[in-house]
Amino acid sequence: QAPVSEAFSYWFAAEVNDWWGHREVRERAVLEEFARDSLENLLFSIARFREVTDAYPTAFSVVSFAFKQERFEHEHAVDIKLGDQTVFQTTHNALQKSLSKSNSKQSP
């Protein structure tokens, strides 16, 4: 089996899980598959957004591990001058929100 990018692995997880009940997101999901670290993830994602939409994003949501929060908020966001436009969510919190929404939809 050939290796896949981190971005594709997340896309595939969403696909296998039927986009957690939000299949409409599939049409808008685009991948950035070249980043090698968290700073490149942020920079290359901004460039990919510009490539796809012909505009720069006006707000940023970062979903990552809690141990990376300080790096994103106090280093990366500062380095590329994002200011207070960045919302950081840990993967645990994002997963909990997703599961809560999925479970509430499945309740009788």
N, C-alpha and C. Protein backbone atom coordinates (compact mmCIF):
# COMPACT_ATOMS: atom_id res chain seq x y z
N GLN A 1 0.85 -1.19 0.00
CA GLN A 1 0.00 0.00 0.00
C GLN A 1 0.89 1.24 0.00
N ALA A 2 0.58 2.18 -0.86
CA ALA A 2 1.36 3.42 -0.97
C ALA A 2 1.05 4.36 0.19
N PRO A 3 2.04 5.13 0.62
CA PRO A 3 1.79 6.11 1.69
C PRO A 3 0.86 7.21 1.19
N VAL A 4 0.10 7.78 2.11
CA VAL A 4 -0.80 8.88 1.77
C VAL A 4 -0.44 10.08 2.64
N SER A 5 -0.86 11.25 2.21
CA SER A 5 -0.58 12.46 2.98
C SER A 5 -1.45 12.49 4.24
N GLU A 6 -1.03 13.29 5.19
CA GLU A 6 -1.83 13.50 6.40
C GLU A 6 -3.20 14.06 6.03
N ALA A 7 -3.21 15.00 5.09
CA ALA A 7 -4.47 15.62 4.65
C ALA A 7 -5.42 14.57 4.08
N PHE A 8 -4.88 13.70 3.22
CA PHE A 8 -5.75 12.68 2.63
C PHE A 8 -6.25 11.70 3.69
N SER A 9 -5.42 11.39 4.68
CA SER A 9 -5.87 10.45 5.72
C SER A 9 -7.07 11.02 6.47
N TYR A 10 -7.08 12.34 6.72
CA TYR A 10 -8.23 12.97 7.38
C TYR A 10 -9.45 12.98 6.46
N TRP A 11 -9.23 13.28 5.19
CA TRP A 11 -10.33 13.26 4.22
C TRP A 11 -10.93 11.86 4.15
N PHE A 12 -10.08 10.86 4.10
CA PHE A 12 -10.54 9.48 4.01
C PHE A 12 -11.31 9.07 5.27
N ALA A 13 -10.84 9.50 6.43
CA ALA A 13 -11.55 9.21 7.68
C ALA A 13 -12.95 9.81 7.63
N ALA A 14 -13.07 11.03 7.13
CA ALA A 14 -14.39 11.67 7.00
C ALA A 14 -15.25 10.88 6.02
N GLU A 15 -14.66 10.45 4.91
CA GLU A 15 -15.40 9.68 3.90
C GLU A 15 -15.93 8.37 4.48
N VAL A 16 -15.07 7.65 5.17
CA VAL A 16 -15.45 6.36 5.76
C VAL A 16 -16.56 6.55 6.80
N ASN A 17 -16.53 7.69 7.49
CA ASN A 17 -17.54 7.98 8.51
C ASN A 17 -18.71 8.80 7.96
N ASP A 18 -18.87 8.77 6.62
CA ASP A 18 -19.95 9.47 5.94
C ASP A 18 -20.04 10.94 6.37
N TRP A 19 -18.86 11.54 6.55
CA TRP A 19 -18.74 12.95 6.90
C TRP A 19 -19.53 13.31 8.16
N TRP A 20 -19.65 12.33 9.03
CA TRP A 20 -20.33 12.51 10.32
C TRP A 20 -21.68 13.19 10.15
N GLY A 21 -22.39 12.74 9.12
CA GLY A 21 -23.73 13.26 8.89
C GLY A 21 -23.79 14.59 8.15
N HIS A 22 -22.66 15.06 7.66
CA HIS A 22 -22.61 16.35 6.96
C HIS A 22 -21.97 16.17 5.58
N ARG A 23 -22.61 15.35 4.74
CA ARG A 23 -22.05 15.06 3.41
C ARG A 23 -21.90 16.29 2.53
N GLU A 24 -22.64 17.36 2.82
CA GLU A 24 -22.53 18.57 2.02
C GLU A 24 -21.13 19.18 2.09
N VAL A 25 -20.41 18.88 3.15
CA VAL A 25 -19.05 19.38 3.31
C VAL A 25 -18.11 18.75 2.28
N ARG A 26 -18.41 17.54 1.86
CA ARG A 26 -17.54 16.82 0.92
C ARG A 26 -17.30 17.64 -0.35
N GLU A 27 -18.31 18.33 -0.83
CA GLU A 27 -18.19 19.13 -2.05
C GLU A 27 -17.22 20.29 -1.89
N ARG A 28 -17.06 20.76 -0.66
CA ARG A 28 -16.19 21.92 -0.40
C ARG A 28 -14.82 21.54 0.12
N ALA A 29 -14.62 20.28 0.42
CA ALA A 29 -13.35 19.83 1.02
C ALA A 29 -12.24 19.79 -0.02
N VAL A 30 -11.20 20.55 0.22
CA VAL A 30 -10.02 20.53 -0.64
C VAL A 30 -8.81 20.21 0.25
N LEU A 31 -7.81 19.62 -0.35
CA LEU A 31 -6.65 19.19 0.41
C LEU A 31 -5.43 20.03 0.10
N GLU A 32 -4.58 20.17 1.09
CA GLU A 32 -3.24 20.73 0.92
C GLU A 32 -2.31 19.61 1.35
N GLU A 33 -1.57 19.04 0.43
CA GLU A 33 -0.84 17.81 0.69
C GLU A 33 0.68 17.94 0.74
N PHE A 34 1.22 19.15 0.82
CA PHE A 34 2.66 19.32 0.75
C PHE A 34 3.32 19.77 2.05
N ALA A 35 2.55 20.23 3.02
CA ALA A 35 3.13 20.72 4.27
C ALA A 35 3.86 19.62 5.02
N ARG A 36 4.99 20.01 5.63
CA ARG A 36 5.80 19.05 6.40
C ARG A 36 5.78 19.32 7.90
N ASP A 37 5.24 20.45 8.32
CA ASP A 37 5.16 20.76 9.74
C ASP A 37 4.00 21.71 9.97
N SER A 38 3.77 22.08 11.23
CA SER A 38 2.58 22.87 11.55
C SER A 38 2.63 24.28 10.96
N LEU A 39 3.79 24.91 10.89
CA LEU A 39 3.86 26.24 10.27
C LEU A 39 3.53 26.15 8.78
N GLU A 40 4.10 25.14 8.11
CA GLU A 40 3.78 24.96 6.69
C GLU A 40 2.31 24.60 6.51
N ASN A 41 1.74 23.83 7.42
CA ASN A 41 0.30 23.54 7.34
C ASN A 41 -0.50 24.83 7.29
N LEU A 42 -0.17 25.75 8.16
CA LEU A 42 -0.89 27.02 8.22
C LEU A 42 -0.64 27.86 6.97
N LEU A 43 0.62 28.05 6.60
CA LEU A 43 0.97 28.87 5.43
C LEU A 43 0.42 28.28 4.13
N PHE A 44 0.65 26.98 3.93
CA PHE A 44 0.23 26.35 2.68
C PHE A 44 -1.29 26.28 2.58
N SER A 45 -1.96 26.16 3.73
CA SER A 45 -3.43 26.14 3.71
C SER A 45 -3.98 27.49 3.30
N ILE A 46 -3.34 28.56 3.75
CA ILE A 46 -3.75 29.90 3.32
C ILE A 46 -3.56 30.05 1.82
N ALA A 47 -2.42 29.57 1.31
CA ALA A 47 -2.15 29.64 -0.13
C ALA A 47 -3.15 28.78 -0.91
N ARG A 48 -3.47 27.60 -0.39
CA ARG A 48 -4.43 26.71 -1.07
C ARG A 48 -5.82 27.35 -1.09
N PHE A 49 -6.22 27.96 0.01
CA PHE A 49 -7.50 28.66 0.08
C PHE A 49 -7.55 29.74 -1.00
N ARG A 50 -6.47 30.52 -1.12
CA ARG A 50 -6.39 31.59 -2.13
C ARG A 50 -6.48 30.99 -3.53
N GLU A 51 -5.80 29.86 -3.74
CA GLU A 51 -5.82 29.21 -5.04
C GLU A 51 -7.23 28.77 -5.44
N VAL A 52 -7.97 28.25 -4.48
CA VAL A 52 -9.30 27.70 -4.75
C VAL A 52 -10.38 28.78 -4.82
N THR A 53 -10.30 29.80 -3.95
CA THR A 53 -11.37 30.79 -3.86
C THR A 53 -11.05 32.13 -4.51
N ASP A 54 -9.80 32.35 -4.86
CA ASP A 54 -9.33 33.61 -5.40
C ASP A 54 -9.46 34.75 -4.39
N ALA A 55 -9.42 34.40 -3.11
CA ALA A 55 -9.46 35.39 -2.03
C ALA A 55 -8.67 34.83 -0.85
N TYR A 56 -8.23 35.71 0.03
CA TYR A 56 -7.55 35.25 1.24
C TYR A 56 -8.59 35.05 2.34
N PRO A 57 -8.37 34.10 3.23
CA PRO A 57 -9.32 33.90 4.33
C PRO A 57 -9.30 35.10 5.29
N THR A 58 -10.43 35.36 5.91
CA THR A 58 -10.52 36.47 6.85
C THR A 58 -10.52 35.99 8.30
N ALA A 59 -10.68 34.69 8.49
CA ALA A 59 -10.64 34.09 9.83
C ALA A 59 -10.03 32.70 9.70
N PHE A 60 -9.48 32.21 10.79
CA PHE A 60 -8.79 30.93 10.78
C PHE A 60 -9.23 30.08 11.96
N SER A 61 -9.53 28.83 11.70
CA SER A 61 -9.80 27.86 12.77
C SER A 61 -8.76 26.76 12.64
N VAL A 62 -8.05 26.52 13.71
CA VAL A 62 -7.02 25.49 13.74
C VAL A 62 -7.52 24.38 14.64
N VAL A 63 -7.61 23.19 14.11
CA VAL A 63 -7.97 22.02 14.90
C VAL A 63 -6.74 21.16 15.00
N SER A 64 -6.24 20.99 16.21
CA SER A 64 -4.99 20.27 16.39
C SER A 64 -4.92 19.72 17.81
N PHE A 65 -3.77 19.15 18.14
CA PHE A 65 -3.55 18.61 19.47
C PHE A 65 -3.29 19.73 20.46
N ALA A 66 -3.72 19.53 21.69
CA ALA A 66 -3.58 20.56 22.72
C ALA A 66 -2.14 21.00 22.91
N PHE A 67 -1.18 20.08 22.81
CA PHE A 67 0.21 20.45 23.04
C PHE A 67 0.75 21.41 21.97
N LYS A 68 0.04 21.56 20.86
CA LYS A 68 0.47 22.48 19.80
C LYS A 68 -0.16 23.86 19.93
N GLN A 69 -1.09 24.04 20.85
CA GLN A 69 -1.83 25.29 20.94
C GLN A 69 -0.92 26.49 21.15
N GLU A 70 -0.01 26.41 22.10
CA GLU A 70 0.87 27.55 22.36
C GLU A 70 1.72 27.86 21.13
N ARG A 71 2.21 26.84 20.46
CA ARG A 71 3.02 27.06 19.25
C ARG A 71 2.23 27.80 18.19
N PHE A 72 0.98 27.39 17.98
CA PHE A 72 0.16 28.06 16.97
C PHE A 72 -0.18 29.49 17.38
N GLU A 73 -0.65 29.66 18.61
CA GLU A 73 -1.13 30.97 19.03
C GLU A 73 -0.02 31.98 19.29
N HIS A 74 1.11 31.52 19.84
CA HIS A 74 2.15 32.47 20.25
C HIS A 74 3.36 32.50 19.34
N GLU A 75 3.44 31.57 18.40
CA GLU A 75 4.57 31.59 17.46
C GLU A 75 4.07 31.73 16.02
N HIS A 76 3.38 30.71 15.52
CA HIS A 76 2.98 30.72 14.12
C HIS A 76 2.05 31.89 13.78
N ALA A 77 1.02 32.08 14.56
CA ALA A 77 0.07 33.17 14.28
C ALA A 77 0.77 34.53 14.36
N VAL A 78 1.71 34.66 15.28
CA VAL A 78 2.47 35.90 15.42
C VAL A 78 3.44 36.05 14.24
N ASP A 79 4.14 34.97 13.89
CA ASP A 79 5.11 35.01 12.79
C ASP A 79 4.48 35.47 11.48
N ILE A 80 3.26 35.03 11.21
CA ILE A 80 2.64 35.43 9.95
C ILE A 80 1.55 36.49 10.14
N LYS A 81 1.58 37.10 11.33
CA LYS A 81 0.75 38.28 11.63
C LYS A 81 -0.76 38.04 11.46
N LEU A 82 -1.25 36.96 12.06
CA LEU A 82 -2.68 36.67 12.00
C LEU A 82 -3.46 37.46 13.03
N GLY A 83 -2.80 37.96 14.03
CA GLY A 83 -3.50 38.70 15.07
C GLY A 83 -4.44 37.80 15.85
N ASP A 84 -5.59 38.32 16.21
CA ASP A 84 -6.54 37.54 16.99
C ASP A 84 -7.61 36.89 16.12
N GLN A 85 -7.30 36.68 14.84
CA GLN A 85 -8.25 36.06 13.92
C GLN A 85 -8.30 34.54 14.06
N THR A 86 -7.40 33.97 14.85
CA THR A 86 -7.28 32.52 14.91
C THR A 86 -8.08 31.94 16.07
N VAL A 87 -8.87 30.92 15.78
CA VAL A 87 -9.58 30.16 16.80
C VAL A 87 -8.93 28.79 16.86
N PHE A 88 -8.46 28.40 18.02
CA PHE A 88 -7.79 27.11 18.18
C PHE A 88 -8.70 26.15 18.91
N GLN A 89 -8.88 24.95 18.36
CA GLN A 89 -9.64 23.89 19.02
C GLN A 89 -8.74 22.66 19.09
N THR A 90 -8.75 21.99 20.21
CA THR A 90 -7.99 20.74 20.27
C THR A 90 -8.77 19.66 19.55
N THR A 91 -8.07 18.64 19.08
CA THR A 91 -8.76 17.56 18.39
C THR A 91 -9.76 16.89 19.31
N HIS A 92 -9.44 16.79 20.59
CA HIS A 92 -10.36 16.18 21.55
C HIS A 92 -11.66 16.97 21.61
N ASN A 93 -11.56 18.30 21.74
CA ASN A 93 -12.77 19.13 21.81
C ASN A 93 -13.54 19.09 20.51
N ALA A 94 -12.83 19.13 19.37
CA ALA A 94 -13.50 19.09 18.07
C ALA A 94 -14.20 17.75 17.89
N LEU A 95 -13.54 16.67 18.30
CA LEU A 95 -14.13 15.34 18.18
C LEU A 95 -15.34 15.23 19.10
N GLN A 96 -15.23 15.75 20.30
CA GLN A 96 -16.36 15.71 21.23
C GLN A 96 -17.57 16.45 20.66
N LYS A 97 -17.35 17.62 20.07
CA LYS A 97 -18.44 18.39 19.46
C LYS A 97 -19.07 17.61 18.32
N SER A 98 -18.23 17.01 17.49
CA SER A 98 -18.72 16.23 16.35
C SER A 98 -19.54 15.04 16.82
N LEU A 99 -19.03 14.34 17.83
CA LEU A 99 -19.74 13.17 18.34
C LEU A 99 -21.05 13.57 19.01
N SER A 100 -21.05 14.68 19.71
CA SER A 100 -22.27 15.15 20.36
C SER A 100 -23.34 15.45 19.32
N LYS A 101 -22.94 16.11 18.23
CA LYS A 101 -23.90 16.43 17.17
C LYS A 101 -24.41 15.15 16.52
N SER A 102 -23.50 14.20 16.27
CA SER A 102 -23.91 12.94 15.64
C SER A 102 -24.85 12.16 16.54
N ASN A 103 -24.53 12.11 17.84
CA ASN A 103 -25.38 11.37 18.77
C ASN A 103 -26.74 12.01 18.93
N SER A 104 -26.82 13.33 18.90
CA SER A 104 -28.11 14.01 19.07
C SER A 104 -28.99 13.77 17.83
N LYS A 105 -28.38 13.61 16.67
CA LYS A 105 -29.15 13.34 15.46
C LYS A 105 -29.68 11.90 15.44
N GLN A 106 -28.98 11.00 16.14
CA GLN A 106 -29.37 9.60 16.11
C GLN A 106 -30.35 9.24 17.22
N SER A 107 -30.56 10.15 18.15
CA SER A 107 -31.49 9.88 19.25
C SER A 107 -32.91 9.81 18.74
N PRO A 108 -33.73 8.91 19.33
CA PRO A 108 -35.13 8.80 18.89
C PRO A 108 -35.96 10.01 19.25
